C-alpha atoms as a PDB file:
ATOM      1  CA  MET A   1     -70.725  15.390 -14.053  1.00  0.00           C
ATOM      2  CA  THR A   2     -67.534  14.757 -15.985  1.00  0.00           C
ATOM      3  CA  THR A   3     -66.062  18.027 -14.884  1.00  0.00           C
ATOM      4  CA  ARG A   4     -66.964  17.314 -11.244  1.00  0.00           C
ATOM      5  CA  ARG A   5     -65.440  13.844 -11.527  1.00  0.00           C
ATOM      6  CA  ASN A   6     -62.249  15.255 -12.955  1.00  0.00           C
ATOM      7  CA  PHE A   7     -62.108  17.856 -10.194  1.00  0.00           C
ATOM      8  CA  LEU A   8     -62.505  15.201  -7.503  1.00  0.00           C
ATOM      9  CA  ARG A   9     -59.814  13.079  -9.142  1.00  0.00           C
ATOM     10  CA  TRP A  10     -57.457  16.074  -9.256  1.00  0.00           C
ATOM     11  CA  SER A  11     -58.274  16.978  -5.625  1.00  0.00           C
ATOM     12  CA  GLY A  12     -57.631  13.456  -4.461  1.00  0.00           C
ATOM     13  CA  ALA A  13     -54.307  13.304  -6.264  1.00  0.00           C
ATOM     14  CA  ALA A  14     -53.279  16.679  -4.892  1.00  0.00           C
ATOM     15  CA  ALA A  15     -54.138  15.603  -1.348  1.00  0.00           C
ATOM     16  CA  ALA A  16     -52.193  12.378  -1.724  1.00  0.00           C
ATOM     17  CA  ALA A  17     -49.185  14.244  -3.073  1.00  0.00           C
ATOM     18  CA  ALA A  18     -49.313  16.658  -0.132  1.00  0.00           C
ATOM     19  CA  ALA A  19     -49.288  13.740   2.293  1.00  0.00           C
ATOM     20  CA  LEU A  20     -46.130  12.250   0.806  1.00  0.00           C
ATOM     21  CA  PRO A  21     -42.801  13.142   2.537  1.00  0.00           C
ATOM     22  CA  LYS A  22     -41.024  15.803   0.561  1.00  0.00           C
ATOM     23  CA  PRO A  23     -37.524  14.883  -0.534  1.00  0.00           C
ATOM     24  CA  ALA A  24     -34.619  16.973   0.651  1.00  0.00           C
ATOM     25  CA  SER A  25     -33.533  19.488  -1.892  1.00  0.00           C
ATOM     26  CA  ALA A  26     -30.111  20.916  -2.662  1.00  0.00           C
ATOM     27  CA  GLN A  27     -31.833  24.279  -2.963  1.00  0.00           C
ATOM     28  CA  ASN A  28     -32.780  24.506   0.736  1.00  0.00           C
ATOM     29  CA  TRP A  29     -30.041  22.247   2.083  1.00  0.00           C
ATOM     30  CA  PRO A  30     -28.248  22.754   4.381  1.00  0.00           C
ATOM     31  CA  ASN A  31     -30.250  25.002   6.589  1.00  0.00           C
ATOM     32  CA  LYS A  32     -29.030  23.742  10.025  1.00  0.00           C
ATOM     33  CA  PRO A  33     -25.810  22.483  11.613  1.00  0.00           C
ATOM     34  CA  MET A  34     -24.483  19.168  10.397  1.00  0.00           C
ATOM     35  CA  ARG A  35     -22.521  16.349  12.050  1.00  0.00           C
ATOM     36  CA  ALA A  36     -19.697  14.265  10.776  1.00  0.00           C
ATOM     37  CA  ILE A  37     -18.885  10.965  12.547  1.00  0.00           C
ATOM     38  CA  VAL A  38     -15.241   9.881  12.593  1.00  0.00           C
ATOM     39  CA  PRO A  39     -15.078   6.263  13.790  1.00  0.00           C
ATOM     40  CA  PHE A  40     -11.533   6.640  15.104  1.00  0.00           C
ATOM     41  CA  THR A  41      -9.892   8.599  17.934  1.00  0.00           C
ATOM     42  CA  ALA A  42      -8.879  12.244  17.676  1.00  0.00           C
ATOM     43  CA  GLY A  43      -5.375  12.525  16.346  1.00  0.00           C
ATOM     44  CA  SER A  44      -5.655   9.496  14.088  1.00  0.00           C
ATOM     45  CA  THR A  45      -4.826   9.940  10.376  1.00  0.00           C
ATOM     46  CA  THR A  46      -8.477   9.757   9.378  1.00  0.00           C
ATOM     47  CA  ASP A  47      -9.420  12.319  12.009  1.00  0.00           C
ATOM     48  CA  ILE A  48      -6.662  14.715  10.985  1.00  0.00           C
ATOM     49  CA  VAL A  49      -7.425  14.504   7.313  1.00  0.00           C
ATOM     50  CA  GLY A  50     -11.166  14.673   7.890  1.00  0.00           C
ATOM     51  CA  ARG A  51     -11.001  17.804  10.011  1.00  0.00           C
ATOM     52  CA  LEU A  52      -8.881  19.559   7.402  1.00  0.00           C
ATOM     53  CA  VAL A  53     -11.457  18.990   4.733  1.00  0.00           C
ATOM     54  CA  LEU A  54     -14.509  19.519   6.971  1.00  0.00           C
ATOM     55  CA  ASN A  55     -13.294  22.921   8.173  1.00  0.00           C
ATOM     56  CA  GLU A  56     -13.250  24.177   4.614  1.00  0.00           C
ATOM     57  CA  LEU A  57     -16.427  22.359   3.659  1.00  0.00           C
ATOM     58  CA  ALA A  58     -18.268  24.014   6.517  1.00  0.00           C
ATOM     59  CA  THR A  59     -17.308  27.434   5.159  1.00  0.00           C
ATOM     60  CA  ALA A  60     -18.381  26.473   1.628  1.00  0.00           C
ATOM     61  CA  LEU A  61     -21.776  25.270   2.825  1.00  0.00           C
ATOM     62  CA  GLY A  62     -22.287  28.092   5.302  1.00  0.00           C
ATOM     63  CA  GLN A  63     -23.108  25.726   8.154  1.00  0.00           C
ATOM     64  CA  THR A  64     -21.310  24.384  11.225  1.00  0.00           C
ATOM     65  CA  ILE A  65     -20.144  20.807  10.988  1.00  0.00           C
ATOM     66  CA  VAL A  66     -19.738  19.129  14.383  1.00  0.00           C
ATOM     67  CA  VAL A  67     -17.189  16.317  14.406  1.00  0.00           C
ATOM     68  CA  GLU A  68     -17.999  13.311  16.608  1.00  0.00           C
ATOM     69  CA  ASN A  69     -15.243  10.791  17.323  1.00  0.00           C
ATOM     70  CA  ARG A  70     -16.938   7.426  17.925  1.00  0.00           C
ATOM     71  CA  SER A  71     -14.030   5.023  18.002  1.00  0.00           C
ATOM     72  CA  GLY A  72     -13.733   1.317  18.691  1.00  0.00           C
ATOM     73  CA  ALA A  73     -13.933  -2.074  17.073  1.00  0.00           C
ATOM     74  CA  GLY A  74     -11.892  -1.083  13.988  1.00  0.00           C
ATOM     75  CA  GLY A  75     -14.215   1.799  13.161  1.00  0.00           C
ATOM     76  CA  THR A  76     -17.405  -0.295  13.175  1.00  0.00           C
ATOM     77  CA  ILE A  77     -18.972   1.343  16.191  1.00  0.00           C
ATOM     78  CA  GLY A  78     -19.041   4.826  14.688  1.00  0.00           C
ATOM     79  CA  THR A  79     -19.988   3.444  11.295  1.00  0.00           C
ATOM     80  CA  ALA A  80     -23.001   1.605  12.759  1.00  0.00           C
ATOM     81  CA  ILE A  81     -24.219   4.857  14.241  1.00  0.00           C
ATOM     82  CA  ALA A  82     -23.917   6.621  10.866  1.00  0.00           C
ATOM     83  CA  ALA A  83     -25.726   3.748   9.053  1.00  0.00           C
ATOM     84  CA  LYS A  84     -28.761   4.273  11.296  1.00  0.00           C
ATOM     85  CA  ALA A  85     -28.836   8.025  10.897  1.00  0.00           C
ATOM     86  CA  GLU A  86     -31.596   9.825   8.991  1.00  0.00           C
ATOM     87  CA  PRO A  87     -30.605   9.990   5.284  1.00  0.00           C
ATOM     88  CA  ASP A  88     -31.221  13.671   5.047  1.00  0.00           C
ATOM     89  CA  GLY A  89     -27.728  15.023   4.344  1.00  0.00           C
ATOM     90  CA  TYR A  90     -27.128  16.196   7.922  1.00  0.00           C
ATOM     91  CA  THR A  91     -25.130  13.170   9.029  1.00  0.00           C
ATOM     92  CA  MET A  92     -21.887  12.263   7.290  1.00  0.00           C
ATOM     93  CA  LEU A  93     -19.267   9.563   7.861  1.00  0.00           C
ATOM     94  CA  VAL A  94     -15.565  10.327   7.487  1.00  0.00           C
ATOM     95  CA  HIS A  95     -13.952   6.937   7.007  1.00  0.00           C
ATOM     96  CA  ALA A  96     -11.021   5.196   5.445  1.00  0.00           C
ATOM     97  CA  SER A  97     -10.155   1.891   3.766  1.00  0.00           C
ATOM     98  CA  ALA A  98     -10.995   0.114   7.051  1.00  0.00           C
ATOM     99  CA  HIS A  99     -14.628   0.535   5.939  1.00  0.00           C
ATOM    100  CA  SER A 100     -14.209  -2.101   3.245  1.00  0.00           C
ATOM    101  CA  VAL A 101     -12.101  -4.308   5.508  1.00  0.00           C
ATOM    102  CA  ALA A 102     -14.720  -4.617   8.224  1.00  0.00           C
ATOM    103  CA  PRO A 103     -16.855  -7.268   6.484  1.00  0.00           C
ATOM    104  CA  ALA A 104     -13.760  -9.532   6.276  1.00  0.00           C
ATOM    105  CA  VAL A 105     -13.034  -9.390   9.976  1.00  0.00           C
ATOM    106  CA  TYR A 106     -16.466  -9.022  11.623  1.00  0.00           C
ATOM    107  CA  ALA A 107     -19.036 -11.732  11.140  1.00  0.00           C
ATOM    108  CA  ASN A 108     -22.071  -9.969  12.588  1.00  0.00           C
ATOM    109  CA  LEU A 109     -21.947  -6.346  11.470  1.00  0.00           C
ATOM    110  CA  SER A 110     -25.201  -4.468  11.924  1.00  0.00           C
ATOM    111  CA  TYR A 111     -24.718  -2.735   8.614  1.00  0.00           C
ATOM    112  CA  ASP A 112     -23.701  -3.557   5.071  1.00  0.00           C
ATOM    113  CA  ALA A 113     -20.571  -1.645   4.046  1.00  0.00           C
ATOM    114  CA  SER A 114     -21.635  -1.455   0.369  1.00  0.00           C
ATOM    115  CA  ARG A 115     -25.435  -1.212   0.444  1.00  0.00           C
ATOM    116  CA  ASP A 116     -26.020   0.971   3.506  1.00  0.00           C
ATOM    117  CA  PHE A 117     -23.745   3.852   2.384  1.00  0.00           C
ATOM    118  CA  SER A 118     -23.213   6.061  -0.613  1.00  0.00           C
ATOM    119  CA  GLY A 119     -19.698   7.184  -1.381  1.00  0.00           C
ATOM    120  CA  VAL A 120     -19.449  10.962  -1.793  1.00  0.00           C
ATOM    121  CA  ALA A 121     -15.705  11.729  -2.335  1.00  0.00           C
ATOM    122  CA  VAL A 122     -12.210  10.368  -1.656  1.00  0.00           C
ATOM    123  CA  PHE A 123     -10.068  12.971   0.041  1.00  0.00           C
ATOM    124  CA  GLY A 124      -6.892  11.149  -1.092  1.00  0.00           C
ATOM    125  CA  VAL A 125      -4.606   8.285  -0.376  1.00  0.00           C
ATOM    126  CA  VAL A 126      -2.206   8.369   2.637  1.00  0.00           C
ATOM    127  CA  PRO A 127       0.879   6.185   2.531  1.00  0.00           C
ATOM    128  CA  ASN A 128       1.215   3.802   5.437  1.00  0.00           C
ATOM    129  CA  VAL A 129       4.688   3.477   6.900  1.00  0.00           C
ATOM    130  CA  THR A 130       6.021   0.596   8.913  1.00  0.00           C
ATOM    131  CA  VAL A 131       7.679   1.997  12.017  1.00  0.00           C
ATOM    132  CA  ILE A 132       9.640   0.621  15.002  1.00  0.00           C
ATOM    133  CA  SER A 133      11.190   2.127  18.129  1.00  0.00           C
ATOM    134  CA  SER A 134      14.476   3.846  17.341  1.00  0.00           C
ATOM    135  CA  ALA A 135      15.991   1.944  20.251  1.00  0.00           C
ATOM    136  CA  MET A 136      15.111  -1.441  18.801  1.00  0.00           C
ATOM    137  CA  GLY A 137      18.455  -1.947  17.049  1.00  0.00           C
ATOM    138  CA  VAL A 138      16.882  -2.807  13.675  1.00  0.00           C
ATOM    139  CA  LYS A 139      17.642  -0.674  10.660  1.00  0.00           C
ATOM    140  CA  THR A 140      15.736  -2.254   7.733  1.00  0.00           C
ATOM    141  CA  LEU A 141      12.517  -4.044   7.059  1.00  0.00           C
ATOM    142  CA  LYS A 142      14.484  -7.192   6.086  1.00  0.00           C
ATOM    143  CA  GLU A 143      16.266  -7.076   9.476  1.00  0.00           C
ATOM    144  CA  LEU A 144      12.866  -6.822  11.196  1.00  0.00           C
ATOM    145  CA  VAL A 145      11.594  -9.877   9.300  1.00  0.00           C
ATOM    146  CA  GLU A 146      14.795 -11.791  10.130  1.00  0.00           C
ATOM    147  CA  ALA A 147      14.411 -10.889  13.840  1.00  0.00           C
ATOM    148  CA  GLY A 148      10.878 -12.139  13.716  1.00  0.00           C
ATOM    149  CA  LYS A 149      12.140 -15.583  12.758  1.00  0.00           C
ATOM    150  CA  LYS A 150      14.272 -15.743  15.876  1.00  0.00           C
ATOM    151  CA  ARG A 151      11.785 -14.534  18.492  1.00  0.00           C
ATOM    152  CA  PRO A 152       8.025 -13.943  18.890  1.00  0.00           C
ATOM    153  CA  MET A 153       6.986 -10.555  17.580  1.00  0.00           C
ATOM    154  CA  THR A 154       3.977  -8.244  18.020  1.00  0.00           C
ATOM    155  CA  PHE A 155       2.458  -5.519  15.870  1.00  0.00           C
ATOM    156  CA  ALA A 156       0.084  -2.757  16.910  1.00  0.00           C
ATOM    157  CA  SER A 157      -2.951  -1.326  15.173  1.00  0.00           C
ATOM    158  CA  ALA A 158      -5.776   1.135  15.688  1.00  0.00           C
ATOM    159  CA  GLY A 159      -8.150  -1.817  16.041  1.00  0.00           C
ATOM    160  CA  VAL A 160      -9.181  -5.033  14.358  1.00  0.00           C
ATOM    161  CA  GLY A 161      -9.927  -4.271  10.750  1.00  0.00           C
ATOM    162  CA  SER A 162      -8.397  -0.793  10.769  1.00  0.00           C
ATOM    163  CA  ALA A 163      -6.126   0.334   7.968  1.00  0.00           C
ATOM    164  CA  SER A 164      -3.105  -0.052  10.267  1.00  0.00           C
ATOM    165  CA  HIS A 165      -4.191  -3.635  10.944  1.00  0.00           C
ATOM    166  CA  TRP A 166      -4.730  -4.584   7.337  1.00  0.00           C
ATOM    167  CA  ALA A 167      -1.554  -2.969   5.992  1.00  0.00           C
ATOM    168  CA  ALA A 168       0.446  -4.930   8.485  1.00  0.00           C
ATOM    169  CA  GLU A 169      -1.380  -8.177   7.606  1.00  0.00           C
ATOM    170  CA  ARG A 170      -0.628  -7.719   3.940  1.00  0.00           C
ATOM    171  CA  LEU A 171       3.072  -7.207   4.774  1.00  0.00           C
ATOM    172  CA  ARG A 172       3.073 -10.122   7.182  1.00  0.00           C
ATOM    173  CA  LEU A 173       1.582 -12.433   4.582  1.00  0.00           C
ATOM    174  CA  SER A 174       4.073 -11.345   1.905  1.00  0.00           C
ATOM    175  CA  ALA A 175       7.109 -11.594   4.249  1.00  0.00           C
ATOM    176  CA  GLY A 176       6.048 -14.809   5.971  1.00  0.00           C
ATOM    177  CA  LEU A 177       6.418 -12.998   9.239  1.00  0.00           C
ATOM    178  CA  ASN A 178       4.911 -14.613  12.319  1.00  0.00           C
ATOM    179  CA  ALA A 179       3.709 -11.760  14.544  1.00  0.00           C
ATOM    180  CA  THR A 180       0.841 -11.397  17.002  1.00  0.00           C
ATOM    181  CA  HIS A 181      -1.658  -8.619  16.470  1.00  0.00           C
ATOM    182  CA  VAL A 182      -2.209  -6.188  19.386  1.00  0.00           C
ATOM    183  CA  PRO A 183      -5.207  -3.983  18.654  1.00  0.00           C
ATOM    184  CA  TYR A 184      -5.666  -0.639  20.384  1.00  0.00           C
ATOM    185  CA  LYS A 185      -8.556   1.763  20.576  1.00  0.00           C
ATOM    186  CA  GLY A 186      -6.760   4.264  18.350  1.00  0.00           C
ATOM    187  CA  GLY A 187      -3.601   4.992  16.455  1.00  0.00           C
ATOM    188  CA  PRO A 188      -1.978   7.439  18.931  1.00  0.00           C
ATOM    189  CA  GLU A 189      -2.135   4.933  21.783  1.00  0.00           C
ATOM    190  CA  ALA A 190      -0.727   2.184  19.597  1.00  0.00           C
ATOM    191  CA  LEU A 191       2.199   4.419  18.438  1.00  0.00           C
ATOM    192  CA  THR A 192       3.031   5.249  22.018  1.00  0.00           C
ATOM    193  CA  ASP A 193       3.613   1.586  22.802  1.00  0.00           C
ATOM    194  CA  VAL A 194       5.612   1.019  19.643  1.00  0.00           C
ATOM    195  CA  MET A 195       7.800   4.048  20.510  1.00  0.00           C
ATOM    196  CA  THR A 196       8.495   2.683  24.025  1.00  0.00           C
ATOM    197  CA  GLY A 197       9.167  -0.809  22.693  1.00  0.00           C
ATOM    198  CA  ARG A 198       6.181  -2.522  24.330  1.00  0.00           C
ATOM    199  CA  VAL A 199       5.081  -3.611  20.830  1.00  0.00           C
ATOM    200  CA  ASP A 200       7.567  -4.344  18.000  1.00  0.00           C
ATOM    201  CA  PHE A 201       6.126  -2.483  14.982  1.00  0.00           C
ATOM    202  CA  MET A 202       3.172  -0.809  13.359  1.00  0.00           C
ATOM    203  CA  SER A 203       2.097   0.130   9.839  1.00  0.00           C
ATOM    204  CA  VAL A 204       0.439   3.518  10.202  1.00  0.00           C
ATOM    205  CA  GLY A 205      -0.531   6.571   8.124  1.00  0.00           C
ATOM    206  CA  ILE A 206       2.405   8.908   7.695  1.00  0.00           C
ATOM    207  CA  GLY A 207       0.394  11.848   8.994  1.00  0.00           C
ATOM    208  CA  SER A 208       0.153  10.186  12.445  1.00  0.00           C
ATOM    209  CA  ALA A 209       3.787   9.124  12.681  1.00  0.00           C
ATOM    210  CA  LEU A 210       5.735  11.924  10.920  1.00  0.00           C
ATOM    211  CA  ALA A 211       6.328  14.110  13.962  1.00  0.00           C
ATOM    212  CA  LEU A 212       7.670  11.202  16.001  1.00  0.00           C
ATOM    213  CA  ILE A 213       9.865  10.148  13.056  1.00  0.00           C
ATOM    214  CA  ARG A 214      11.314  13.653  12.789  1.00  0.00           C
ATOM    215  CA  GLN A 215      11.965  13.675  16.510  1.00  0.00           C
ATOM    216  CA  GLY A 216      13.921  10.473  16.193  1.00  0.00           C
ATOM    217  CA  LYS A 217      11.567   8.464  18.409  1.00  0.00           C
ATOM    218  CA  LEU A 218      10.342   6.189  15.597  1.00  0.00           C
ATOM    219  CA  LEU A 219      12.361   4.663  12.764  1.00  0.00           C
ATOM    220  CA  PRO A 220      10.556   4.289   9.413  1.00  0.00           C
ATOM    221  CA  LEU A 221      11.409   1.062   7.528  1.00  0.00           C
ATOM    222  CA  ALA A 222       9.146   1.057   4.466  1.00  0.00           C
ATOM    223  CA  VAL A 223       5.958   2.589   2.950  1.00  0.00           C
ATOM    224  CA  SER A 224       3.187   0.405   1.625  1.00  0.00           C
ATOM    225  CA  THR A 225       2.592   2.339  -1.638  1.00  0.00           C
ATOM    226  CA  GLU A 226       3.645   1.714  -5.194  1.00  0.00           C
ATOM    227  CA  LYS A 227       5.981   4.706  -5.183  1.00  0.00           C
ATOM    228  CA  ARG A 228       8.043   6.310  -2.418  1.00  0.00           C
ATOM    229  CA  SER A 229       6.464   9.062  -0.408  1.00  0.00           C
ATOM    230  CA  GLY A 230       7.510  12.649  -0.915  1.00  0.00           C
ATOM    231  CA  ALA A 231       7.349  13.108   2.905  1.00  0.00           C
ATOM    232  CA  LEU A 232       9.920  10.279   3.370  1.00  0.00           C
ATOM    233  CA  PRO A 233      11.855  10.071   0.067  1.00  0.00           C
ATOM    234  CA  ASP A 234      14.694   8.016   1.539  1.00  0.00           C
ATOM    235  CA  VAL A 235      12.383   5.275   2.831  1.00  0.00           C
ATOM    236  CA  PRO A 236      11.875   2.370   0.390  1.00  0.00           C
ATOM    237  CA  THR A 237       8.502   0.878  -0.492  1.00  0.00           C
ATOM    238  CA  THR A 238       7.671  -2.571   0.909  1.00  0.00           C
ATOM    239  CA  THR A 239       8.034  -3.875  -2.691  1.00  0.00           C
ATOM    240  CA  GLU A 240      11.504  -2.373  -3.026  1.00  0.00           C
ATOM    241  CA  ALA A 241      12.363  -4.027   0.306  1.00  0.00           C
ATOM    242  CA  GLY A 242      11.646  -7.334  -1.289  1.00  0.00           C
ATOM    243  CA  TYR A 243       8.050  -8.113  -0.389  1.00  0.00           C
ATOM    244  CA  PRO A 244       5.646  -8.249  -3.385  1.00  0.00           C
ATOM    245  CA  ASN A 245       1.885  -8.004  -3.024  1.00  0.00           C
ATOM    246  CA  SER A 246       2.299  -5.967   0.144  1.00  0.00           C
ATOM    247  CA  ILE A 247       0.797  -2.701  -1.192  1.00  0.00           C
ATOM    248  CA  PHE A 248      -2.102  -1.272   0.779  1.00  0.00           C
ATOM    249  CA  THR A 249      -4.278   1.608  -0.465  1.00  0.00           C
ATOM    250  CA  PHE A 250      -5.160   3.670   2.560  1.00  0.00           C
ATOM    251  CA  TRP A 251      -7.836   6.052   1.250  1.00  0.00           C
ATOM    252  CA  ASN A 252      -9.739   8.558   3.323  1.00  0.00           C
ATOM    253  CA  GLY A 253     -13.078   9.950   2.270  1.00  0.00           C
ATOM    254  CA  LEU A 254     -16.683  10.931   2.947  1.00  0.00           C
ATOM    255  CA  LEU A 255     -19.773   8.756   2.886  1.00  0.00           C
ATOM    256  CA  VAL A 256     -23.450   9.276   3.756  1.00  0.00           C
ATOM    257  CA  PRO A 257     -26.380   6.944   4.479  1.00  0.00           C
ATOM    258  CA  ALA A 258     -27.443   5.188   1.293  1.00  0.00           C
ATOM    259  CA  LYS A 259     -30.811   6.835   0.833  1.00  0.00           C
ATOM    260  CA  THR A 260     -29.499  10.383   1.036  1.00  0.00           C
ATOM    261  CA  PRO A 261     -30.947  12.253  -1.944  1.00  0.00           C
ATOM    262  CA  ARG A 262     -28.619  12.184  -4.974  1.00  0.00           C
ATOM    263  CA  ASN A 263     -28.735  15.933  -5.451  1.00  0.00           C
ATOM    264  CA  ILE A 264     -27.249  16.312  -1.941  1.00  0.00           C
ATOM    265  CA  VAL A 265     -24.565  13.677  -2.699  1.00  0.00           C
ATOM    266  CA  GLU A 266     -23.623  15.506  -5.888  1.00  0.00           C
ATOM    267  CA  ARG A 267     -23.545  18.903  -4.141  1.00  0.00           C
ATOM    268  CA  LEU A 268     -21.270  17.513  -1.356  1.00  0.00           C
ATOM    269  CA  HIS A 269     -19.031  15.944  -3.984  1.00  0.00           C
ATOM    270  CA  ALA A 270     -18.719  19.144  -5.956  1.00  0.00           C
ATOM    271  CA  GLU A 271     -17.968  21.268  -2.844  1.00  0.00           C
ATOM    272  CA  ILE A 272     -15.332  18.785  -1.646  1.00  0.00           C
ATOM    273  CA  GLN A 273     -13.614  18.784  -5.027  1.00  0.00           C
ATOM    274  CA  SER A 274     -13.333  22.567  -4.762  1.00  0.00           C
ATOM    275  CA  VAL A 275     -11.873  22.243  -1.269  1.00  0.00           C
ATOM    276  CA  LEU A 276      -9.361  19.630  -2.394  1.00  0.00           C
ATOM    277  CA  ARG A 277      -8.204  21.782  -5.334  1.00  0.00           C
ATOM    278  CA  ALA A 278      -7.681  24.867  -3.147  1.00  0.00           C
ATOM    279  CA  PRO A 279      -3.951  25.733  -2.743  1.00  0.00           C
ATOM    280  CA  ALA A 280      -4.399  26.054   1.044  1.00  0.00           C
ATOM    281  CA  THR A 281      -5.662  22.475   1.265  1.00  0.00           C
ATOM    282  CA  ILE A 282      -2.912  21.138  -0.936  1.00  0.00           C
ATOM    283  CA  GLU A 283      -0.328  22.843   1.283  1.00  0.00           C
ATOM    284  CA  LYS A 284      -1.860  21.376   4.470  1.00  0.00           C
ATOM    285  CA  PHE A 285      -1.865  17.891   2.950  1.00  0.00           C
ATOM    286  CA  LYS A 286       1.853  18.038   2.084  1.00  0.00           C
ATOM    287  CA  PRO A 287       3.160  16.814   5.471  1.00  0.00           C
ATOM    288  CA  MET A 288       1.013  13.677   5.073  1.00  0.00           C
ATOM    289  CA  ALA A 289       2.075  13.120   1.465  1.00  0.00           C
ATOM    290  CA  MET A 290      -1.525  12.842   0.504  1.00  0.00           C
ATOM    291  CA  ASP A 291      -1.975  11.676  -3.069  1.00  0.00           C
ATOM    292  CA  PRO A 292      -5.198  12.641  -4.948  1.00  0.00           C
ATOM    293  CA  MET A 293      -7.792  10.021  -5.887  1.00  0.00           C
ATOM    294  CA  PRO A 294     -10.540  11.918  -7.734  1.00  0.00           C
ATOM    295  CA  LEU A 295     -13.322   9.369  -8.030  1.00  0.00           C
ATOM    296  CA  THR A 296     -16.943  10.166  -8.828  1.00  0.00           C
ATOM    297  CA  PRO A 297     -19.517   8.999  -6.290  1.00  0.00           C
ATOM    298  CA  ALA A 298     -20.390   6.035  -8.526  1.00  0.00           C
ATOM    299  CA  GLU A 299     -16.735   5.086  -8.863  1.00  0.00           C
ATOM    300  CA  PHE A 300     -16.251   5.383  -5.113  1.00  0.00           C
ATOM    301  CA  ASP A 301     -19.192   2.983  -4.605  1.00  0.00           C
ATOM    302  CA  ALA A 302     -17.649   0.512  -7.046  1.00  0.00           C
ATOM    303  CA  LEU A 303     -14.296   0.717  -5.317  1.00  0.00           C
ATOM    304  CA  ILE A 304     -15.791  -0.113  -1.967  1.00  0.00           C
ATOM    305  CA  LYS A 305     -17.726  -3.062  -3.410  1.00  0.00           C
ATOM    306  CA  LYS A 306     -14.609  -4.505  -5.028  1.00  0.00           C
ATOM    307  CA  GLU A 307     -12.429  -3.933  -1.895  1.00  0.00           C
ATOM    308  CA  VAL A 308     -15.000  -5.748   0.257  1.00  0.00           C
ATOM    309  CA  GLU A 309     -14.783  -8.757  -2.016  1.00  0.00           C
ATOM    310  CA  ASP A 310     -10.966  -8.648  -2.224  1.00  0.00           C
ATOM    311  CA  ASN A 311     -10.568  -8.284   1.562  1.00  0.00           C
ATOM    312  CA  ILE A 312     -12.781 -11.262   2.269  1.00  0.00           C
ATOM    313  CA  THR A 313     -10.583 -13.271  -0.058  1.00  0.00           C
ATOM    314  CA  LEU A 314      -7.438 -12.021   1.761  1.00  0.00           C
ATOM    315  CA  SER A 315      -8.886 -12.831   5.145  1.00  0.00           C
ATOM    316  CA  LYS A 316      -9.401 -16.387   4.025  1.00  0.00           C
ATOM    317  CA  ALA A 317      -5.810 -16.567   2.739  1.00  0.00           C
ATOM    318  CA  LEU A 318      -4.573 -15.307   6.097  1.00  0.00           C
ATOM    319  CA  GLY A 319      -6.716 -17.791   7.953  1.00  0.00           C
ATOM    320  CA  LEU A 320      -8.141 -15.014  10.111  1.00  0.00           C
ATOM    321  CA  LYS A 321     -11.139 -15.873  12.294  1.00  0.00           C
ATOM    322  CA  ARG A 322     -13.924 -13.360  11.918  1.00  0.00           C
ATOM    323  CA  ASN A 323     -14.948 -11.794  15.186  1.00  0.00           C
END
């Protein structure tokens, strides 16, 4: 009787275990094509950086990675899609520091920037550069600020809450510059209107603006990093230009839905680190002056949590109304 009872107990446990969903495993993952959502337009800094990494990551994983550009609302439209995706390792989100800005500018997000995602890896930090039309007649950041005291000014961004928006807001707060925000659907469209003089200035990732700067269509005034950029060594930092507390860390990286198995998160992290260390990747990143930011997944999560809190504080200091 005891033997039969034990057998039945074992059989019941085995049946229950078989009925449970089996967790994804790094051993059999990935075994089908993957998708990466970029919540900004093609040609934006985040898109350019993301595609460079994803091309190499696809080779390392032996699977196709389909990039989907789902732009709009400062990156929150594409991010919301990724937040609702199955956490099975087949949907990834390529995002930037705008991810941790969103809670400070949008009151009714359908996702939680910290809790609904797991950070995988930071690709690096891209310097933002404040640019104007070369025909504007302004030569320095100080001259731009002085001009803004004499007439109404406008600044462009890739959308409310985007990195280009927040970098400009930090500068505006530090300089006491009164300028009206003009959000666009993406960075390339915004840069076009800055170049033609329809909008006064923009603070944008160097990767998006460098070609236009070299063609003489845009004039760089300052970079929003602690040190000068190797891509624009003659351009001062916003701090050097006389505006403290104007630094903005424009990171780019990869996230996945929060319940994605940790073994997959760790596998993705390891593969991306190998991609980032490859000489070919380093060479491709040079034109964007990408600086490394080698955080572990746990450190990446902590960074996002802290930035969300800091950005909400900044939003209140700016007196911005959440959308």
